N, C-alpha and C. Protein backbone atom coordinates (compact mmCIF):
# COMPACT_ATOMS: atom_id res chain seq x y z
N UNK A 1 54.18 -16.91 68.18
CA UNK A 1 55.03 -15.87 67.65
C UNK A 1 55.99 -15.33 68.72
N UNK A 2 55.56 -15.35 70.00
CA UNK A 2 56.42 -14.85 71.07
C UNK A 2 57.70 -15.67 71.18
N UNK A 3 57.61 -16.97 70.91
CA UNK A 3 58.79 -17.82 71.01
C UNK A 3 59.80 -17.53 69.92
N UNK A 4 59.36 -16.96 68.83
CA UNK A 4 60.25 -16.70 67.70
C UNK A 4 61.43 -15.82 68.12
N UNK A 5 61.21 -14.90 69.04
CA UNK A 5 62.29 -14.03 69.51
C UNK A 5 63.39 -14.84 70.20
N UNK A 6 63.01 -15.96 70.83
CA UNK A 6 63.98 -16.79 71.54
C UNK A 6 64.53 -17.92 70.68
N UNK A 7 63.74 -18.40 69.74
CA UNK A 7 64.15 -19.50 68.87
C UNK A 7 63.95 -19.10 67.41
N UNK A 8 64.77 -18.17 66.90
CA UNK A 8 64.55 -17.69 65.53
C UNK A 8 64.76 -18.78 64.47
N UNK A 9 65.41 -19.90 64.83
CA UNK A 9 65.61 -20.96 63.86
C UNK A 9 64.36 -21.84 63.70
N UNK A 10 63.36 -21.65 64.54
CA UNK A 10 62.12 -22.40 64.44
C UNK A 10 61.20 -21.69 63.45
N UNK A 11 60.71 -22.44 62.48
CA UNK A 11 59.82 -21.88 61.46
C UNK A 11 58.37 -22.03 61.93
N UNK A 12 57.73 -20.96 62.36
CA UNK A 12 56.35 -21.07 62.86
C UNK A 12 55.33 -21.40 61.77
N UNK A 13 55.73 -21.36 60.50
CA UNK A 13 54.81 -21.71 59.42
C UNK A 13 54.95 -23.17 59.00
N UNK A 14 55.84 -23.91 59.65
CA UNK A 14 56.08 -25.31 59.31
C UNK A 14 54.82 -26.15 59.49
N UNK A 15 54.59 -27.08 58.57
CA UNK A 15 53.49 -28.03 58.67
C UNK A 15 54.08 -29.43 58.66
N UNK A 16 53.69 -30.23 59.61
CA UNK A 16 54.20 -31.59 59.77
C UNK A 16 53.89 -32.46 58.55
N UNK A 17 54.81 -33.36 58.25
CA UNK A 17 54.59 -34.32 57.16
C UNK A 17 53.56 -35.38 57.54
N UNK A 18 53.42 -35.63 58.83
CA UNK A 18 52.58 -36.75 59.26
C UNK A 18 51.85 -36.40 60.55
N UNK A 19 50.63 -36.77 60.63
CA UNK A 19 49.81 -36.52 61.83
C UNK A 19 49.58 -37.84 62.56
N UNK A 20 49.68 -37.78 63.86
CA UNK A 20 49.41 -38.96 64.68
C UNK A 20 47.91 -39.04 64.90
N UNK A 21 47.35 -40.23 64.66
CA UNK A 21 45.92 -40.43 64.86
C UNK A 21 45.72 -41.51 65.92
N UNK A 22 44.72 -41.34 66.76
CA UNK A 22 44.46 -42.37 67.76
C UNK A 22 44.05 -43.69 67.10
N UNK A 23 44.42 -44.79 67.70
CA UNK A 23 43.99 -46.10 67.24
C UNK A 23 42.51 -46.24 67.62
N UNK A 24 41.64 -46.54 66.65
CA UNK A 24 40.21 -46.66 66.98
C UNK A 24 39.97 -47.62 68.13
N UNK A 25 39.21 -47.13 69.13
CA UNK A 25 38.86 -47.95 70.27
C UNK A 25 39.95 -48.12 71.30
N UNK A 26 41.08 -47.44 71.13
CA UNK A 26 42.19 -47.59 72.07
C UNK A 26 42.32 -46.34 72.92
N UNK A 27 42.43 -46.51 74.22
CA UNK A 27 42.58 -45.38 75.14
C UNK A 27 43.88 -45.53 75.92
N UNK A 28 44.50 -44.42 76.21
CA UNK A 28 45.72 -44.41 77.02
C UNK A 28 45.41 -45.00 78.39
N UNK A 29 46.19 -46.00 78.84
CA UNK A 29 45.90 -46.60 80.14
C UNK A 29 46.08 -45.63 81.31
N UNK A 30 46.86 -44.58 81.13
CA UNK A 30 47.09 -43.63 82.23
C UNK A 30 46.06 -42.50 82.25
N UNK A 31 45.69 -41.99 81.06
CA UNK A 31 44.79 -40.83 81.02
C UNK A 31 43.36 -41.17 80.63
N UNK A 32 43.19 -42.30 79.93
CA UNK A 32 41.87 -42.66 79.43
C UNK A 32 41.51 -41.97 78.13
N UNK A 33 42.38 -41.09 77.63
CA UNK A 33 42.13 -40.39 76.36
C UNK A 33 42.47 -41.28 75.17
N UNK A 34 41.79 -41.06 74.04
CA UNK A 34 42.14 -41.82 72.83
C UNK A 34 43.61 -41.59 72.48
N UNK A 35 44.29 -42.65 72.10
CA UNK A 35 45.71 -42.52 71.75
C UNK A 35 46.11 -43.60 70.75
N UNK A 36 47.31 -43.50 70.29
CA UNK A 36 47.88 -44.48 69.37
C UNK A 36 48.34 -45.69 70.17
N UNK A 37 48.04 -46.89 69.69
CA UNK A 37 48.45 -48.11 70.38
C UNK A 37 49.95 -48.31 70.21
N UNK A 38 50.62 -48.44 71.33
CA UNK A 38 52.07 -48.68 71.33
C UNK A 38 52.27 -50.14 71.68
N UNK A 39 53.02 -50.86 71.00
CA UNK A 39 54.04 -50.46 70.07
C UNK A 39 53.63 -50.70 68.62
N UNK A 40 52.57 -51.45 68.40
CA UNK A 40 52.18 -51.83 67.05
C UNK A 40 51.87 -50.69 66.11
N UNK A 41 50.93 -49.84 66.47
CA UNK A 41 50.55 -48.75 65.57
C UNK A 41 51.64 -47.68 65.50
N UNK A 42 52.39 -47.51 66.57
CA UNK A 42 53.55 -46.60 66.53
C UNK A 42 54.56 -47.10 65.49
N UNK A 43 54.83 -48.40 65.50
CA UNK A 43 55.77 -48.99 64.54
C UNK A 43 55.27 -48.79 63.11
N UNK A 44 53.99 -49.03 62.89
CA UNK A 44 53.42 -48.81 61.55
C UNK A 44 53.58 -47.35 61.13
N UNK A 45 53.34 -46.43 62.07
CA UNK A 45 53.48 -45.00 61.75
C UNK A 45 54.92 -44.66 61.38
N UNK A 46 55.89 -45.25 62.06
CA UNK A 46 57.28 -44.99 61.72
C UNK A 46 57.60 -45.49 60.31
N UNK A 47 56.98 -46.60 59.92
CA UNK A 47 57.14 -47.09 58.54
C UNK A 47 56.56 -46.12 57.53
N UNK A 48 55.39 -45.58 57.82
CA UNK A 48 54.76 -44.59 56.93
C UNK A 48 55.60 -43.31 56.89
N UNK A 49 56.11 -42.90 58.04
CA UNK A 49 56.92 -41.68 58.11
C UNK A 49 58.23 -41.85 57.35
N UNK A 50 58.83 -43.02 57.41
CA UNK A 50 60.07 -43.29 56.66
C UNK A 50 59.84 -43.07 55.16
N UNK A 51 58.70 -43.54 54.66
CA UNK A 51 58.38 -43.34 53.23
C UNK A 51 58.22 -41.86 52.91
N UNK A 52 57.59 -41.12 53.82
CA UNK A 52 57.41 -39.67 53.59
C UNK A 52 58.74 -38.94 53.61
N UNK A 53 59.64 -39.33 54.49
CA UNK A 53 60.98 -38.73 54.50
C UNK A 53 61.66 -38.96 53.16
N UNK A 54 61.58 -40.18 52.67
CA UNK A 54 62.21 -40.51 51.38
C UNK A 54 61.60 -39.71 50.23
N UNK A 55 60.29 -39.52 50.25
CA UNK A 55 59.61 -38.79 49.17
C UNK A 55 59.87 -37.29 49.23
N UNK A 56 59.75 -36.71 50.40
CA UNK A 56 59.79 -35.25 50.55
C UNK A 56 61.19 -34.68 50.71
N UNK A 57 62.16 -35.51 51.04
CA UNK A 57 63.50 -34.99 51.28
C UNK A 57 64.56 -35.69 50.43
N UNK A 58 64.15 -36.19 49.29
CA UNK A 58 65.07 -36.87 48.38
C UNK A 58 66.24 -35.94 48.03
N UNK A 59 67.46 -36.44 48.23
CA UNK A 59 68.65 -35.68 47.88
C UNK A 59 69.05 -34.62 48.88
N UNK A 60 68.34 -34.53 49.99
CA UNK A 60 68.63 -33.51 51.00
C UNK A 60 69.32 -34.14 52.22
N UNK A 61 69.96 -33.31 52.98
CA UNK A 61 70.47 -33.71 54.29
C UNK A 61 69.46 -33.25 55.31
N UNK A 62 69.00 -34.16 56.16
CA UNK A 62 68.02 -33.78 57.18
C UNK A 62 68.50 -34.26 58.54
N UNK A 63 67.99 -33.65 59.58
CA UNK A 63 68.28 -34.03 60.95
C UNK A 63 66.94 -34.23 61.65
N UNK A 64 66.82 -35.35 62.35
CA UNK A 64 65.60 -35.64 63.11
C UNK A 64 65.96 -35.74 64.59
N UNK A 65 65.15 -35.17 65.44
CA UNK A 65 65.33 -35.27 66.89
C UNK A 65 64.14 -36.03 67.44
N UNK A 66 64.42 -37.00 68.31
CA UNK A 66 63.32 -37.79 68.82
C UNK A 66 63.71 -38.49 70.11
N UNK A 67 63.01 -39.57 70.42
CA UNK A 67 63.23 -40.35 71.64
C UNK A 67 63.63 -41.77 71.25
N UNK A 68 63.94 -42.58 72.24
CA UNK A 68 64.50 -43.91 72.00
C UNK A 68 63.63 -44.81 71.13
N UNK A 69 62.32 -44.71 71.23
CA UNK A 69 61.45 -45.57 70.43
C UNK A 69 61.62 -45.31 68.94
N UNK A 70 62.32 -44.26 68.59
CA UNK A 70 62.56 -43.97 67.18
C UNK A 70 63.55 -44.93 66.53
N UNK A 71 64.04 -45.90 67.28
CA UNK A 71 64.79 -46.97 66.63
C UNK A 71 63.89 -47.65 65.60
N UNK A 72 62.57 -47.54 65.77
CA UNK A 72 61.64 -48.07 64.77
C UNK A 72 61.80 -47.32 63.45
N UNK A 73 62.01 -46.02 63.49
CA UNK A 73 62.24 -45.25 62.27
C UNK A 73 63.57 -45.65 61.63
N UNK A 74 64.58 -45.83 62.44
CA UNK A 74 65.88 -46.28 61.93
C UNK A 74 65.72 -47.64 61.25
N UNK A 75 65.03 -48.56 61.90
CA UNK A 75 64.80 -49.88 61.32
C UNK A 75 64.00 -49.79 60.03
N UNK A 76 63.01 -48.91 59.98
CA UNK A 76 62.20 -48.75 58.76
C UNK A 76 63.05 -48.26 57.60
N UNK A 77 63.90 -47.28 57.84
CA UNK A 77 64.75 -46.76 56.78
C UNK A 77 65.79 -47.79 56.32
N UNK A 78 66.35 -48.52 57.28
CA UNK A 78 67.36 -49.53 56.94
C UNK A 78 66.75 -50.84 56.48
N UNK A 79 65.44 -50.99 56.63
CA UNK A 79 64.72 -52.22 56.29
C UNK A 79 65.35 -53.42 57.01
N UNK A 80 65.45 -53.27 58.33
CA UNK A 80 66.03 -54.33 59.14
C UNK A 80 65.26 -54.51 60.43
N UNK A 81 65.62 -55.52 61.18
CA UNK A 81 64.98 -55.84 62.44
C UNK A 81 65.30 -54.79 63.50
N UNK A 82 64.40 -54.64 64.44
CA UNK A 82 64.64 -53.76 65.59
C UNK A 82 65.34 -54.50 66.72
N UNK A 83 65.58 -55.80 66.55
CA UNK A 83 66.14 -56.63 67.63
C UNK A 83 67.45 -56.10 68.20
N UNK A 84 68.34 -55.67 67.36
CA UNK A 84 69.67 -55.26 67.81
C UNK A 84 69.82 -53.75 67.96
N UNK A 85 68.78 -52.99 67.67
CA UNK A 85 68.88 -51.53 67.73
C UNK A 85 68.54 -51.01 69.11
N UNK A 86 69.40 -50.18 69.63
CA UNK A 86 69.18 -49.50 70.91
C UNK A 86 69.45 -48.02 70.70
N UNK A 87 68.81 -47.19 71.50
CA UNK A 87 69.01 -45.74 71.40
C UNK A 87 69.40 -45.23 72.77
N UNK A 88 70.60 -44.67 72.88
CA UNK A 88 71.07 -44.09 74.13
C UNK A 88 70.47 -42.70 74.32
N UNK A 89 70.43 -42.25 75.56
CA UNK A 89 70.01 -40.87 75.82
C UNK A 89 70.97 -39.95 75.07
N UNK A 90 70.43 -39.05 74.28
CA UNK A 90 71.22 -38.14 73.44
C UNK A 90 72.07 -38.89 72.42
N UNK A 91 71.67 -40.11 72.09
CA UNK A 91 72.37 -40.88 71.06
C UNK A 91 72.18 -40.26 69.69
N UNK A 92 73.09 -40.54 68.80
CA UNK A 92 73.04 -39.98 67.44
C UNK A 92 73.21 -41.13 66.44
N UNK A 93 72.18 -41.36 65.66
CA UNK A 93 72.27 -42.31 64.54
C UNK A 93 72.59 -41.51 63.30
N UNK A 94 73.52 -41.99 62.50
CA UNK A 94 73.79 -41.37 61.20
C UNK A 94 73.54 -42.40 60.12
N UNK A 95 72.63 -42.07 59.22
CA UNK A 95 72.30 -42.92 58.09
C UNK A 95 72.65 -42.18 56.82
N UNK A 96 72.93 -42.93 55.79
CA UNK A 96 73.29 -42.31 54.51
C UNK A 96 72.57 -43.05 53.39
N UNK A 97 72.17 -42.29 52.40
CA UNK A 97 71.55 -42.87 51.21
C UNK A 97 72.12 -42.16 49.99
N UNK A 98 72.68 -42.90 49.08
CA UNK A 98 73.23 -42.33 47.86
C UNK A 98 72.25 -42.59 46.73
N UNK A 99 71.82 -41.49 46.10
CA UNK A 99 70.81 -41.53 45.04
C UNK A 99 69.58 -42.30 45.54
N UNK A 100 69.15 -43.30 44.79
CA UNK A 100 67.99 -44.09 45.20
C UNK A 100 68.40 -45.43 45.77
N UNK A 101 69.65 -45.56 46.16
CA UNK A 101 70.14 -46.80 46.75
C UNK A 101 69.57 -47.01 48.14
N UNK A 102 69.97 -48.11 48.75
CA UNK A 102 69.47 -48.38 50.10
C UNK A 102 70.13 -47.49 51.14
N UNK A 103 69.44 -47.29 52.24
CA UNK A 103 70.02 -46.57 53.37
C UNK A 103 71.09 -47.45 53.99
N UNK A 104 72.16 -46.84 54.46
CA UNK A 104 73.20 -47.58 55.18
C UNK A 104 73.44 -46.89 56.52
N UNK A 105 73.86 -47.70 57.48
CA UNK A 105 74.16 -47.19 58.81
C UNK A 105 75.61 -46.72 58.83
N UNK A 106 75.82 -45.43 59.06
CA UNK A 106 77.17 -44.87 59.15
C UNK A 106 77.66 -45.01 60.58
N UNK A 107 76.82 -44.63 61.54
CA UNK A 107 77.17 -44.81 62.96
C UNK A 107 75.90 -45.00 63.77
N UNK A 108 76.01 -45.83 64.80
CA UNK A 108 74.86 -46.17 65.63
C UNK A 108 74.65 -45.18 66.75
N UNK A 109 73.45 -45.20 67.31
CA UNK A 109 73.10 -44.28 68.39
C UNK A 109 72.97 -44.97 69.73
N UNK A 110 73.61 -46.13 69.86
CA UNK A 110 73.49 -46.89 71.10
C UNK A 110 74.47 -46.45 72.18
N UNK A 111 75.33 -45.49 71.85
CA UNK A 111 76.23 -44.91 72.85
C UNK A 111 76.13 -43.39 72.76
N UNK A 112 76.69 -42.73 73.74
CA UNK A 112 76.64 -41.26 73.76
C UNK A 112 77.95 -40.70 74.34
N UNK A 113 79.08 -40.96 73.68
CA UNK A 113 80.36 -40.50 74.23
C UNK A 113 80.48 -38.98 74.32
N UNK A 114 79.62 -38.27 73.62
CA UNK A 114 79.64 -36.80 73.66
C UNK A 114 78.95 -36.25 74.91
N UNK A 115 78.30 -37.10 75.68
CA UNK A 115 77.61 -36.69 76.90
C UNK A 115 78.56 -36.92 78.07
N UNK A 116 78.78 -35.89 78.88
CA UNK A 116 79.73 -36.01 79.98
C UNK A 116 79.13 -36.63 81.24
N UNK A 117 77.82 -36.55 81.41
CA UNK A 117 77.22 -37.10 82.62
C UNK A 117 75.78 -37.53 82.33
N UNK A 118 75.42 -38.72 82.79
CA UNK A 118 74.04 -39.18 82.68
C UNK A 118 73.61 -39.75 84.02
N UNK A 119 72.33 -39.91 84.18
CA UNK A 119 71.79 -40.51 85.40
C UNK A 119 72.15 -41.99 85.42
N UNK A 120 72.42 -42.54 86.58
CA UNK A 120 72.71 -43.97 86.67
C UNK A 120 71.54 -44.84 86.20
N UNK A 121 70.34 -44.29 86.17
CA UNK A 121 69.17 -45.06 85.73
C UNK A 121 68.89 -44.89 84.25
N UNK A 122 69.73 -44.13 83.54
CA UNK A 122 69.54 -43.93 82.10
C UNK A 122 70.39 -44.94 81.34
N UNK A 123 69.78 -45.60 80.40
CA UNK A 123 70.48 -46.65 79.66
C UNK A 123 69.96 -46.67 78.21
N UNK A 124 70.73 -47.24 77.28
CA UNK A 124 70.24 -47.36 75.91
C UNK A 124 68.98 -48.24 75.89
N UNK A 125 67.97 -47.80 75.16
CA UNK A 125 66.68 -48.48 75.14
C UNK A 125 66.41 -49.04 73.76
N UNK A 126 65.73 -50.16 73.72
CA UNK A 126 65.29 -50.76 72.47
C UNK A 126 64.04 -51.58 72.70
N UNK A 127 63.38 -51.95 71.63
CA UNK A 127 62.16 -52.75 71.72
C UNK A 127 62.49 -54.19 72.10
N UNK A 128 61.51 -54.86 72.71
CA UNK A 128 61.60 -56.29 72.97
C UNK A 128 60.28 -56.92 72.55
N UNK A 129 60.26 -58.23 72.48
CA UNK A 129 59.05 -58.96 72.07
C UNK A 129 57.83 -58.58 72.92
N UNK A 130 58.06 -58.35 74.21
CA UNK A 130 56.93 -58.10 75.11
C UNK A 130 56.14 -56.86 74.73
N UNK A 131 56.76 -55.89 74.06
CA UNK A 131 56.04 -54.67 73.70
C UNK A 131 55.03 -54.89 72.58
N UNK A 132 55.09 -56.03 71.90
CA UNK A 132 54.18 -56.32 70.80
C UNK A 132 53.16 -57.40 71.17
N UNK A 133 53.31 -58.01 72.32
CA UNK A 133 52.40 -59.09 72.74
C UNK A 133 51.04 -58.54 73.14
N UNK A 134 50.00 -59.26 72.72
CA UNK A 134 48.65 -58.91 73.16
C UNK A 134 48.53 -59.35 74.61
N UNK A 135 47.74 -58.64 75.37
CA UNK A 135 47.57 -58.99 76.77
C UNK A 135 46.15 -59.44 77.04
N UNK A 136 45.95 -60.05 78.19
CA UNK A 136 44.63 -60.53 78.56
C UNK A 136 43.62 -59.39 78.50
N UNK A 137 42.46 -59.68 77.98
CA UNK A 137 41.45 -58.64 77.83
C UNK A 137 41.46 -58.03 76.44
N UNK A 138 42.36 -58.51 75.56
CA UNK A 138 42.36 -58.07 74.18
C UNK A 138 43.04 -56.75 73.89
N UNK A 139 43.85 -56.24 74.81
CA UNK A 139 44.56 -54.98 74.52
C UNK A 139 45.51 -55.18 73.37
N UNK A 140 45.43 -54.31 72.40
CA UNK A 140 46.25 -54.41 71.20
C UNK A 140 47.65 -53.87 71.42
N UNK A 141 48.66 -54.59 70.96
CA UNK A 141 50.02 -54.10 70.95
C UNK A 141 50.73 -54.41 69.64
N UNK A 142 50.10 -55.12 68.71
CA UNK A 142 50.70 -55.33 67.41
C UNK A 142 50.73 -56.76 66.93
N UNK A 143 50.91 -57.69 67.85
CA UNK A 143 51.07 -59.09 67.49
C UNK A 143 49.94 -59.61 66.60
N UNK A 144 48.70 -59.22 66.88
CA UNK A 144 47.56 -59.73 66.12
C UNK A 144 47.54 -59.21 64.68
N UNK A 145 48.30 -58.17 64.37
CA UNK A 145 48.37 -57.65 63.00
C UNK A 145 49.73 -57.94 62.36
N UNK A 146 50.49 -58.82 62.96
CA UNK A 146 51.79 -59.19 62.39
C UNK A 146 52.87 -58.15 62.60
N UNK A 147 52.68 -57.26 63.56
CA UNK A 147 53.69 -56.25 63.84
C UNK A 147 54.56 -56.74 64.99
N UNK A 148 55.86 -56.74 64.76
CA UNK A 148 56.80 -57.19 65.78
C UNK A 148 58.19 -56.67 65.47
N UNK A 149 59.17 -57.25 66.11
CA UNK A 149 60.55 -56.76 65.96
C UNK A 149 61.07 -56.84 64.53
N UNK A 150 60.55 -57.77 63.74
CA UNK A 150 61.03 -57.95 62.37
C UNK A 150 60.08 -57.37 61.33
N UNK A 151 59.22 -56.45 61.73
CA UNK A 151 58.20 -55.87 60.85
C UNK A 151 58.79 -55.24 59.59
N UNK A 152 59.97 -54.66 59.66
CA UNK A 152 60.54 -53.95 58.51
C UNK A 152 61.47 -54.81 57.66
N UNK A 153 61.66 -56.07 58.05
CA UNK A 153 62.54 -56.96 57.28
C UNK A 153 61.78 -57.44 56.05
N UNK A 154 62.32 -57.18 54.85
CA UNK A 154 61.60 -57.59 53.63
C UNK A 154 61.45 -59.09 53.51
């Protein structure tokens, strides 16, 4: 409630459409805590979230703020491959859907001309095959469940 004075546009009664659940038996390699397996289960979650956006916000204009891996959400809504999608720092993707038709890409988020200065080490990011490959020792990343760059292609 204290933050409300500084961010009155934030609704403290808001309830998320989707909850992130740890992948059974998967632990974060850095912390050791249970977490969601990236990139496979993250990609699946973005597919589930895309459906919830379509159901709960039909006919509305919405804005989503996220990080570069959200190209998976863009791919899920557009029902296309993640191969060519990149997300720049502060990039803006604009998608449009008329009635119950398909989503279309109005403008991509792979550039950020509205940003006047970025770090030389900041670049547009996108998924690659290696993020879905299983590794020695059986660590899950998606490949064994058919999750990869073309997961959202019908």
